Protein backbone atom coordinates (compact mmCIF):
# COMPACT_ATOMS: atom_id res chain seq x y z
CA UNK A 1 28.36 4.49 52.55
CA UNK A 2 26.18 6.78 50.40
CA UNK A 3 22.74 5.56 49.30
CA UNK A 4 21.01 5.33 45.96
CA UNK A 5 19.30 8.64 45.19
CA UNK A 6 16.42 9.01 42.68
CA UNK A 7 14.50 12.20 41.80
CA UNK A 8 11.51 12.48 39.40
CA UNK A 9 10.60 15.78 37.79
CA UNK A 10 7.74 16.75 35.48
CA UNK A 11 9.27 18.82 32.65
CA UNK A 12 5.83 19.28 31.03
CA UNK A 13 2.46 17.50 30.95
CA UNK A 14 3.99 14.89 28.66
CA UNK A 15 7.69 14.83 29.59
CA UNK A 16 9.42 13.55 32.73
CA UNK A 17 13.00 13.46 33.92
CA UNK A 18 14.44 10.92 36.35
CA UNK A 19 17.81 11.81 37.91
CA UNK A 20 19.95 9.04 39.58
CA UNK A 21 22.96 9.08 41.86
CA UNK A 22 24.46 5.62 42.06
CA UNK A 23 26.81 4.98 45.02
CA UNK A 24 30.43 4.29 44.00
CA UNK A 25 30.29 0.86 45.75
CA UNK A 26 27.48 -0.24 43.32
CA UNK A 27 29.44 1.15 40.34
CA UNK A 28 32.67 -0.57 41.46
CA UNK A 29 30.88 -3.96 41.72
CA UNK A 30 29.53 -3.57 38.23
CA UNK A 31 32.92 -2.38 36.83
CA UNK A 32 34.75 -5.31 38.49
CA UNK A 33 32.23 -7.77 36.99
CA UNK A 34 32.79 -6.29 33.50
CA UNK A 35 36.58 -6.55 33.82
CA UNK A 36 36.20 -10.19 34.97
CA UNK A 37 34.20 -10.97 31.84
CA UNK A 38 36.71 -9.15 29.63
CA UNK A 39 39.60 -10.96 31.33
CA UNK A 40 38.13 -14.37 30.52
CA UNK A 41 37.91 -13.59 26.78
CA UNK A 42 40.86 -11.19 26.24
CA UNK A 43 43.95 -12.37 24.31
CA UNK A 44 47.10 -10.38 25.16
CA UNK A 45 50.54 -11.59 24.15
CA UNK A 46 52.51 -12.89 27.12
CA UNK A 47 49.50 -13.66 29.27
CA UNK A 48 47.33 -16.70 29.62
CA UNK A 49 43.49 -16.14 29.20
CA UNK A 50 41.90 -15.49 32.54
CA UNK A 51 45.23 -14.63 34.14
CA UNK A 52 45.71 -11.11 32.85
CA UNK A 53 46.30 -8.53 35.66
CA UNK A 54 43.60 -5.86 36.11
CA UNK A 55 46.13 -3.02 35.41
CA UNK A 56 47.02 -4.59 32.05
CA UNK A 57 43.33 -4.96 31.17
CA UNK A 58 42.76 -1.30 32.10
CA UNK A 59 45.60 -0.25 29.70
CA UNK A 60 43.88 -2.04 26.81
CA UNK A 61 40.12 -1.97 27.61
CA UNK A 62 39.43 0.95 30.00
CA UNK A 63 37.16 2.87 27.57
CA UNK A 64 35.18 -0.25 26.56
CA UNK A 65 34.84 -1.46 30.14
CA UNK A 66 33.58 1.91 31.48
CA UNK A 67 31.20 2.27 28.53
CA UNK A 68 29.74 -1.19 29.17
CA UNK A 69 29.47 -0.46 32.90
CA UNK A 70 27.61 2.75 32.26
CA UNK A 71 25.21 1.03 29.79
CA UNK A 72 24.53 -1.77 32.27
CA UNK A 73 23.91 0.63 35.20
CA UNK A 74 21.71 3.00 33.16
CA UNK A 75 19.57 0.15 31.84
CA UNK A 76 19.22 -1.59 35.16
CA UNK A 77 18.25 1.42 37.33
CA UNK A 78 16.23 3.23 34.63
CA UNK A 79 13.96 0.25 33.83
CA UNK A 80 13.76 -0.78 37.49
CA UNK A 81 12.52 2.70 38.45
CA UNK A 82 9.92 2.77 35.62
CA UNK A 83 8.62 -0.61 36.71
CA UNK A 84 8.42 0.35 40.40
CA UNK A 85 6.61 3.62 39.68
CA UNK A 86 4.46 2.04 36.90
CA UNK A 87 5.53 4.73 34.41
CA UNK A 88 4.74 4.02 30.74
CA UNK A 89 7.15 5.73 28.33
CA UNK A 90 6.36 6.81 24.78
CA UNK A 91 9.83 7.61 23.54
CA UNK A 92 13.42 6.44 23.86
CA UNK A 93 15.09 8.13 26.85
CA UNK A 94 17.50 11.05 26.39
CA UNK A 95 20.42 10.08 28.68
CA UNK A 96 22.77 12.65 30.18
CA UNK A 97 25.89 11.55 32.05
CA UNK A 98 29.50 12.65 32.50
CA UNK A 99 31.29 9.29 32.70
CA UNK A 100 32.84 7.40 35.56
CA UNK A 101 35.27 8.85 38.13
CA UNK A 102 37.18 6.74 40.64
CA UNK A 103 35.63 6.76 44.16
CA UNK A 104 32.84 9.08 43.01
CA UNK A 105 29.09 8.39 42.84
CA UNK A 106 27.86 8.07 39.27
CA UNK A 107 25.11 10.53 38.27
CA UNK A 108 22.91 10.29 35.20
CA UNK A 109 19.46 11.48 34.12
CA UNK A 110 16.87 10.12 31.70
CA UNK A 111 14.23 12.36 30.00
CA UNK A 112 11.33 10.80 28.13
CA UNK A 113 7.75 11.29 26.97
CA UNK A 114 4.74 9.90 28.81
CA UNK A 115 0.99 10.05 28.42
CA UNK A 116 -0.49 13.15 30.14
CA UNK A 117 -2.08 12.52 33.50
CA UNK A 118 -5.74 13.36 32.74
CA UNK A 119 -8.74 13.25 35.06
CA UNK A 120 -11.52 13.53 32.46
CA UNK A 121 -14.22 16.12 33.13
CA UNK A 122 -17.30 17.59 31.40
CA UNK A 123 -18.44 14.52 29.42
CA UNK A 124 -21.63 13.72 31.34
CA UNK A 125 -24.91 15.57 31.02
CA UNK A 126 -23.61 17.74 28.14
CA UNK A 127 -25.91 19.71 25.83
CA UNK A 128 -25.71 18.33 22.25
CA UNK A 129 -27.54 18.96 19.00
CA UNK A 130 -27.95 15.98 16.70
CA UNK A 131 -28.81 16.46 13.09
CA UNK A 132 -31.02 13.86 11.44
CA UNK A 133 -30.87 14.14 7.66
CA UNK A 134 -33.86 13.18 5.54
CA UNK A 135 -33.59 12.24 1.83
CA UNK A 136 -35.22 14.89 -0.38
CA UNK A 137 -36.80 14.51 -3.83
CA UNK A 138 -33.86 16.48 -5.18
CA UNK A 139 -31.49 13.93 -3.63
CA UNK A 140 -33.42 11.15 -5.29
CA UNK A 141 -33.38 12.87 -8.69
CA UNK A 142 -29.65 13.59 -8.40
CA UNK A 143 -28.83 9.92 -7.53
CA UNK A 144 -31.02 8.57 -10.30
CA UNK A 145 -29.23 10.88 -12.76
CA UNK A 146 -25.85 9.56 -11.53
CA UNK A 147 -27.07 5.97 -12.13
CA UNK A 148 -28.37 7.04 -15.53
CA UNK A 149 -24.91 8.43 -16.45
CA UNK A 150 -23.32 5.10 -15.58
CA UNK A 151 -25.15 3.64 -18.57
CA UNK A 152 -24.58 6.60 -20.90
CA UNK A 153 -22.88 6.21 -24.26
CA UNK A 154 -20.54 8.66 -26.00
CA UNK A 155 -21.33 9.72 -29.53
CA UNK A 156 -19.38 11.86 -31.92
CA UNK A 157 -20.78 15.35 -32.32
CA UNK A 158 -21.75 15.54 -36.00
CA UNK A 159 -22.39 19.21 -36.38
CA UNK A 160 -19.66 21.84 -36.39
CA UNK A 161 -20.38 23.26 -32.93
CA UNK A 162 -18.06 24.37 -30.07
CA UNK A 163 -17.59 22.12 -27.05
CA UNK A 164 -19.88 22.78 -24.11
CA UNK A 165 -19.95 21.82 -20.44
CA UNK A 166 -20.98 18.18 -20.17
CA UNK A 167 -19.23 17.23 -23.41
CA UNK A 168 -16.20 14.89 -23.60
CA UNK A 169 -13.14 16.15 -25.44
CA UNK A 170 -10.02 14.24 -26.36
CA UNK A 171 -7.14 16.78 -26.12
CA UNK A 172 -3.36 17.20 -26.39
CA UNK A 173 -2.02 19.76 -23.95
CA UNK A 174 1.36 21.12 -22.86
CA UNK A 175 1.93 23.67 -20.10
CA UNK A 176 4.77 26.23 -19.67
CA UNK A 177 5.70 28.09 -16.54
CA UNK A 178 7.81 31.26 -17.01
CA UNK A 179 8.60 30.02 -20.51
CA UNK A 180 9.80 26.62 -19.31
CA UNK A 181 7.96 23.53 -20.61
CA UNK A 182 7.09 21.16 -17.78
CA UNK A 183 6.79 17.44 -18.56
CA UNK A 184 4.24 16.90 -15.73
CA UNK A 185 1.91 19.38 -17.48
CA UNK A 186 1.94 17.56 -20.78
CA UNK A 187 -0.39 14.79 -22.11
CA UNK A 188 -1.65 13.42 -25.36
CA UNK A 189 -5.07 11.91 -26.23
CA UNK A 190 -6.41 12.92 -22.80
CA UNK A 191 -10.17 12.32 -22.41
CA UNK A 192 -11.71 15.08 -20.33
CA UNK A 193 -15.34 15.61 -19.25
CA UNK A 194 -15.90 19.40 -19.32
CA UNK A 195 -17.42 20.44 -16.00
CA UNK A 196 -15.88 17.56 -14.05
CA UNK A 197 -13.53 20.00 -12.26
CA UNK A 198 -10.62 17.57 -12.66
CA UNK A 199 -8.35 20.37 -13.84
CA UNK A 200 -7.19 23.68 -12.34
CA UNK A 201 -10.07 26.21 -12.10
CA UNK A 202 -10.39 28.07 -15.42
CA UNK A 203 -8.92 25.31 -17.65
CA UNK A 204 -12.19 23.43 -18.51
CA UNK A 205 -14.09 26.70 -18.80
CA UNK A 206 -11.71 27.96 -21.52
CA UNK A 207 -11.66 24.58 -23.42
CA UNK A 208 -15.47 24.88 -23.56
CA UNK A 209 -16.06 26.97 -26.67
CA UNK A 210 -13.27 25.38 -28.70
CA UNK A 211 -14.10 23.30 -31.79
CA UNK A 212 -12.76 19.96 -32.99
CA UNK A 213 -9.42 20.52 -34.79
CA UNK A 214 -8.81 23.85 -33.07
CA UNK A 215 -5.62 24.71 -31.13
CA UNK A 216 -5.57 27.50 -28.56
CA UNK A 217 -3.23 28.94 -25.89
CA UNK A 218 -5.07 29.43 -22.59
CA UNK A 219 -3.75 30.83 -19.31
CA UNK A 220 -4.77 29.64 -15.89
CA UNK A 221 -3.62 30.58 -12.38
CA UNK A 222 -2.87 27.65 -10.04
CA UNK A 223 -4.37 27.91 -6.52
CA UNK A 224 -2.10 29.32 -3.78
CA UNK A 225 -2.44 26.08 -1.77
CA UNK A 226 -1.66 23.82 -4.80
CA UNK A 227 0.23 20.74 -3.65
CA UNK A 228 3.08 21.15 -6.22
CA UNK A 229 4.89 24.03 -4.59
CA UNK A 230 6.63 25.44 -7.71
CA UNK A 231 3.26 25.96 -9.43
CA UNK A 232 1.29 27.27 -6.40
CA UNK A 233 -0.13 30.72 -7.13
CA UNK A 234 1.64 30.88 -10.52
CA UNK A 235 0.27 31.65 -14.00
CA UNK A 236 0.71 28.74 -16.43
CA UNK A 237 0.12 28.84 -20.19
CA UNK A 238 -1.34 25.73 -21.81
CA UNK A 239 -1.34 24.96 -25.50
CA UNK A 240 -4.53 22.92 -26.07
CA UNK A 241 -5.54 20.98 -29.22
CA UNK A 242 -9.06 19.50 -29.41
CA UNK A 243 -8.83 16.21 -31.37
CA UNK A 244 -12.23 14.65 -30.70
CA UNK A 245 -15.58 15.99 -29.43
CA UNK A 246 -18.23 13.66 -28.07
CA UNK A 247 -21.55 14.15 -26.37
CA UNK A 248 -23.12 11.93 -23.81
CA UNK A 249 -26.30 10.13 -24.73
CA UNK A 250 -28.27 9.24 -21.61
CA UNK A 251 -30.88 6.42 -21.50
CA UNK A 252 -34.38 7.18 -20.37
CA UNK A 253 -35.23 6.01 -16.85
CA UNK A 254 -38.22 3.87 -17.63
CA UNK A 255 -39.22 0.17 -17.49
CA UNK A 256 -36.67 -0.61 -20.25
CA UNK A 257 -33.90 0.86 -18.12
CA UNK A 258 -34.54 -1.91 -15.53
CA UNK A 259 -33.19 -4.40 -18.04
CA UNK A 260 -29.69 -3.20 -17.09
CA UNK A 261 -30.12 -4.82 -13.63
CA UNK A 262 -30.64 -8.41 -12.57
CA UNK A 263 -32.01 -7.61 -9.10
CA UNK A 264 -34.92 -5.39 -10.07
CA UNK A 265 -38.13 -6.33 -11.86
CA UNK A 266 -39.76 -2.87 -11.79
CA UNK A 267 -38.67 0.77 -11.78
CA UNK A 268 -40.31 1.16 -8.39
CA UNK A 269 -38.04 -1.60 -6.90
CA UNK A 270 -34.98 0.31 -8.16
CA UNK A 271 -36.23 3.61 -6.65
CA UNK A 272 -37.03 1.89 -3.32
CA UNK A 273 -33.51 0.43 -3.15
CA UNK A 274 -31.92 3.78 -4.09
CA UNK A 275 -33.89 5.51 -1.32
CA UNK A 276 -32.98 2.84 1.24
CA UNK A 277 -29.30 3.13 0.34
CA UNK A 278 -29.40 6.93 0.64
CA UNK A 279 -31.22 6.75 4.01
CA UNK A 280 -28.40 4.49 5.29
CA UNK A 281 -25.88 7.04 3.97
CA UNK A 282 -27.78 9.83 5.75
CA UNK A 283 -27.60 7.91 9.03
CA UNK A 284 -23.84 7.31 8.65
CA UNK A 285 -23.33 10.99 7.78
CA UNK A 286 -25.40 12.05 10.80
CA UNK A 287 -23.56 9.64 13.14
CA UNK A 288 -20.11 10.77 11.96
CA UNK A 289 -21.06 14.48 12.56
CA UNK A 290 -22.50 13.65 15.98
CA UNK A 291 -19.34 11.78 17.03
CA UNK A 292 -17.28 14.71 15.82
CA UNK A 293 -19.40 17.00 17.99
CA UNK A 294 -18.98 14.75 21.10
CA UNK A 295 -15.20 14.69 20.52
CA UNK A 296 -15.01 18.47 20.13
CA UNK A 297 -17.06 19.10 23.29
CA UNK A 298 -15.03 16.56 25.32
CA UNK A 299 -11.68 17.96 24.13
CA UNK A 300 -12.76 21.54 24.89
CA UNK A 301 -13.61 20.53 28.46
CA UNK A 302 -10.23 18.75 28.90
CA UNK A 303 -7.26 20.77 27.63
CA UNK A 304 -3.93 18.99 27.68
CA UNK A 305 -0.80 18.62 25.63
CA UNK A 306 -0.45 15.85 23.00
CA UNK A 307 2.82 13.84 23.26
CA UNK A 308 4.95 14.91 20.21
CA UNK A 309 6.08 11.39 19.49
CA UNK A 310 2.50 10.16 19.19
CA UNK A 311 1.60 13.15 17.01
CA UNK A 312 4.54 12.47 14.77
CA UNK A 313 3.54 8.81 14.53
CA UNK A 314 0.05 9.77 13.46
CA UNK A 315 1.36 12.26 10.87
CA UNK A 316 3.45 9.53 9.27
CA UNK A 317 0.40 7.27 9.27
CA UNK A 318 -1.54 9.97 7.36
CA UNK A 319 1.41 10.51 4.98
CA UNK A 320 1.57 6.74 4.25
CA UNK A 321 -2.20 6.63 3.65
CA UNK A 322 -2.07 9.67 1.35
CA UNK A 323 0.81 8.11 -0.56
CA UNK A 324 -1.10 4.87 -0.97
CA UNK A 325 -4.16 6.69 -2.31
CA UNK A 326 -2.07 8.80 -4.72
CA UNK A 327 -0.48 5.62 -6.13
CA UNK A 328 -3.88 4.01 -6.46
CA UNK A 329 -4.97 7.06 -8.47
CA UNK A 330 -2.14 6.47 -10.94
CA UNK A 331 0.66 8.66 -9.61
CA UNK A 332 4.16 7.19 -9.81
CA UNK A 333 5.76 6.09 -6.51
CA UNK A 334 8.50 8.75 -6.40
CA UNK A 335 6.06 11.67 -7.00
CA UNK A 336 3.55 10.25 -4.51
CA UNK A 337 6.25 9.96 -1.88
CA UNK A 338 7.65 13.49 -2.41
CA UNK A 339 4.20 15.08 -2.50
CA UNK A 340 2.83 13.27 0.57
CA UNK A 341 5.95 14.10 2.65
CA UNK A 342 5.59 17.79 1.76
CA UNK A 343 2.15 17.64 3.37
CA UNK A 344 3.68 16.85 6.79
CA UNK A 345 2.80 20.22 8.37
CA UNK A 346 -0.74 20.22 6.92
CA UNK A 347 -1.47 16.99 8.80
CA UNK A 348 -0.32 18.29 12.20
CA UNK A 349 -3.64 19.71 13.46
CA UNK A 350 -5.58 16.58 12.55
CA UNK A 351 -2.92 14.33 14.00
CA UNK A 352 -2.95 16.28 17.35
CA UNK A 353 -6.81 15.99 17.50
CA UNK A 354 -6.64 12.23 16.80
CA UNK A 355 -3.99 11.64 19.45
CA UNK A 356 -5.78 13.80 22.07
CA UNK A 357 -9.14 12.17 21.47
CA UNK A 358 -7.59 8.72 21.70
CA UNK A 359 -5.89 9.51 25.07
CA UNK A 360 -9.00 11.27 26.49
CA UNK A 361 -11.41 8.47 25.56
CA UNK A 362 -9.01 5.90 26.94
CA UNK A 363 -8.99 7.73 30.31
CA UNK A 364 -12.79 8.05 30.26
CA UNK A 365 -13.01 4.26 29.70
CA UNK A 366 -10.61 3.72 32.67
CA UNK A 367 -12.51 6.13 34.93
CA UNK A 368 -15.93 4.62 34.09
CA UNK A 369 -14.65 0.99 33.95
CA UNK A 370 -15.79 0.61 30.35
CA UNK A 371 -14.26 -2.59 28.92
CA UNK A 372 -14.72 -4.94 25.99
CA UNK A 373 -15.82 -8.51 26.82
CA UNK A 374 -15.71 -11.63 24.71
CA UNK A 375 -19.48 -11.31 24.32
CA UNK A 376 -19.04 -7.79 22.90
CA UNK A 377 -16.55 -9.17 20.37
CA UNK A 378 -18.89 -12.05 19.41
CA UNK A 379 -21.80 -9.66 18.96
CA UNK A 380 -19.78 -7.22 16.84
CA UNK A 381 -18.46 -10.05 14.63
CA UNK A 382 -22.07 -11.20 14.15
CA UNK A 383 -23.04 -7.68 13.08
CA UNK A 384 -20.12 -7.49 10.63
CA UNK A 385 -21.10 -10.81 9.14
CA UNK A 386 -24.64 -9.56 8.56
CA UNK A 387 -23.49 -6.27 6.99
CA UNK A 388 -21.06 -7.95 4.62
CA UNK A 389 -23.30 -10.96 3.92
CA UNK A 390 -20.61 -13.36 5.23
CA UNK A 391 -20.57 -16.47 7.38
CA UNK A 392 -19.86 -15.66 11.07
CA UNK A 393 -16.98 -18.14 11.27
CA UNK A 394 -15.36 -16.61 8.17
CA UNK A 395 -15.45 -13.18 9.84
CA UNK A 396 -14.16 -14.63 13.11
CA UNK A 397 -11.22 -16.15 11.23
CA UNK A 398 -10.22 -12.74 9.88
CA UNK A 399 -9.87 -11.48 13.48
CA UNK A 400 -7.79 -14.39 14.71
CA UNK A 401 -4.68 -12.26 13.91
CA UNK A 402 -3.69 -10.51 17.18
CA UNK A 403 -3.19 -7.10 15.58
CA UNK A 404 -6.57 -7.20 13.84
CA UNK A 405 -8.25 -8.41 17.04
CA UNK A 406 -6.74 -5.49 19.01
CA UNK A 407 -7.95 -3.06 16.32
CA UNK A 408 -11.46 -4.57 16.54
CA UNK A 409 -11.44 -4.27 20.34
CA UNK A 410 -10.40 -0.65 20.03
CA UNK A 411 -13.30 0.09 17.62
CA UNK A 412 -15.77 -1.61 20.02
CA UNK A 413 -14.40 0.24 22.99
CA UNK A 414 -14.70 3.60 21.19
CA UNK A 415 -18.34 2.86 20.29
CA UNK A 416 -19.12 1.95 23.91
CA UNK A 417 -17.59 5.24 25.12
CA UNK A 418 -19.59 7.25 22.57
CA UNK A 419 -22.74 5.34 23.63
CA UNK A 420 -21.97 6.01 27.29
CA UNK A 421 -21.68 9.79 26.68
CA UNK A 422 -24.73 9.87 24.36
CA UNK A 423 -26.95 8.01 26.88
CA UNK A 424 -26.14 10.66 29.58
CA UNK A 425 -26.35 13.75 27.28
CA UNK A 426 -29.21 16.20 26.78
CA UNK A 427 -29.79 15.87 23.06
CA UNK A 428 -31.85 18.19 20.85
CA UNK A 429 -32.68 16.49 17.56
CA UNK A 430 -32.78 18.80 14.51
CA UNK A 431 -34.20 17.50 11.22
CA UNK A 432 -32.64 18.63 7.94
CA UNK A 433 -34.10 17.80 4.54
CA UNK A 434 -31.54 17.05 1.87
CA UNK A 435 -28.08 15.50 1.76
CA UNK A 436 -26.22 18.65 0.56
CA UNK A 437 -23.45 20.35 2.51
CA UNK A 438 -25.95 22.68 4.23
CA UNK A 439 -27.84 19.67 5.64
CA UNK A 440 -24.67 18.14 6.97
CA UNK A 441 -23.68 21.19 8.96
């Protein structure tokens, strides 16, 4: 009698194929069992249930019986082999088989995705540069001006002057592309702050200079990478009518300004709180950049393929998140869905990086025996309670849900891995003054 034969092949770093040859004796036992089950339930005229001859059953149920036999055999031996070899699959198996033949061993193969087998290297003793950002006087002035604008009032412009950057205009506009009026480029009584860069480059600059009551045709070119494909890189003509012109009146930042707040008694207290908030923002900004650097260095030292199914899953997570944010910004559901799905390919690089870093850090944790204990969870919950000014038990209750608890554990584990790498790295600290883009680089 022939024996069960199993062969495992690596098709790539993330794809395996298991080939099986099942002896006919095993197949026959399974097939006989299937026919016995069918025979107990089958109803054929002229025969009592359970007494139908096998040949008669084959005439009526051969295809169904063989299909069920194949399904049973494939499931049994496939999952048994995965369990014995401790293989974790990431995708449904692609099954190849040519059906059953009398007195012939049954052959089938199953191809599937797995996590890449990584032995992490190059994450200890690495050379890193950490940027520490300091709040500048210019940062303080800018933030105070932003707070000042929050309490600004809009006043009609009395004199007959053209609109300027910083003014607020109420406009009607309608856009045409190649002579065709597009409903998505039309609005009435739209309040626009000139200089806010909410419109396509060139639009606000041309509205500046128009007077109240004036109507003008202006032409702008949409960016080549504009999300709405039919307008990308195209010239669009807008007919714009200025209906209202208002200027912002800003309050002075003095002791009277403090009356807008309950929590401050003096201007100095406001400034101290603003600086503290910005310093915390600087630290977060610096930490994010540093983690990105650690991730980039670790990934460069460990090149491997990202499983396509995990990448695809991450892309659809990004699509769903984008769709949610578009809807929150006021876009209708259909447009948000269409637009976010068209961004599929744009998300691929970010999705691959996310998947690779997740798999690599998971392997580093395994290699270095980095785990999350109940004490770690309790400590983290305590920190969250302090940050959000909540009762510890209230925060703990939030994470009683299994899914949220697993997400919390994943966050804690990631932090412990970053701390592990940072503690063993050679770090050069570079100080940057100012929170602008240059400082963040």
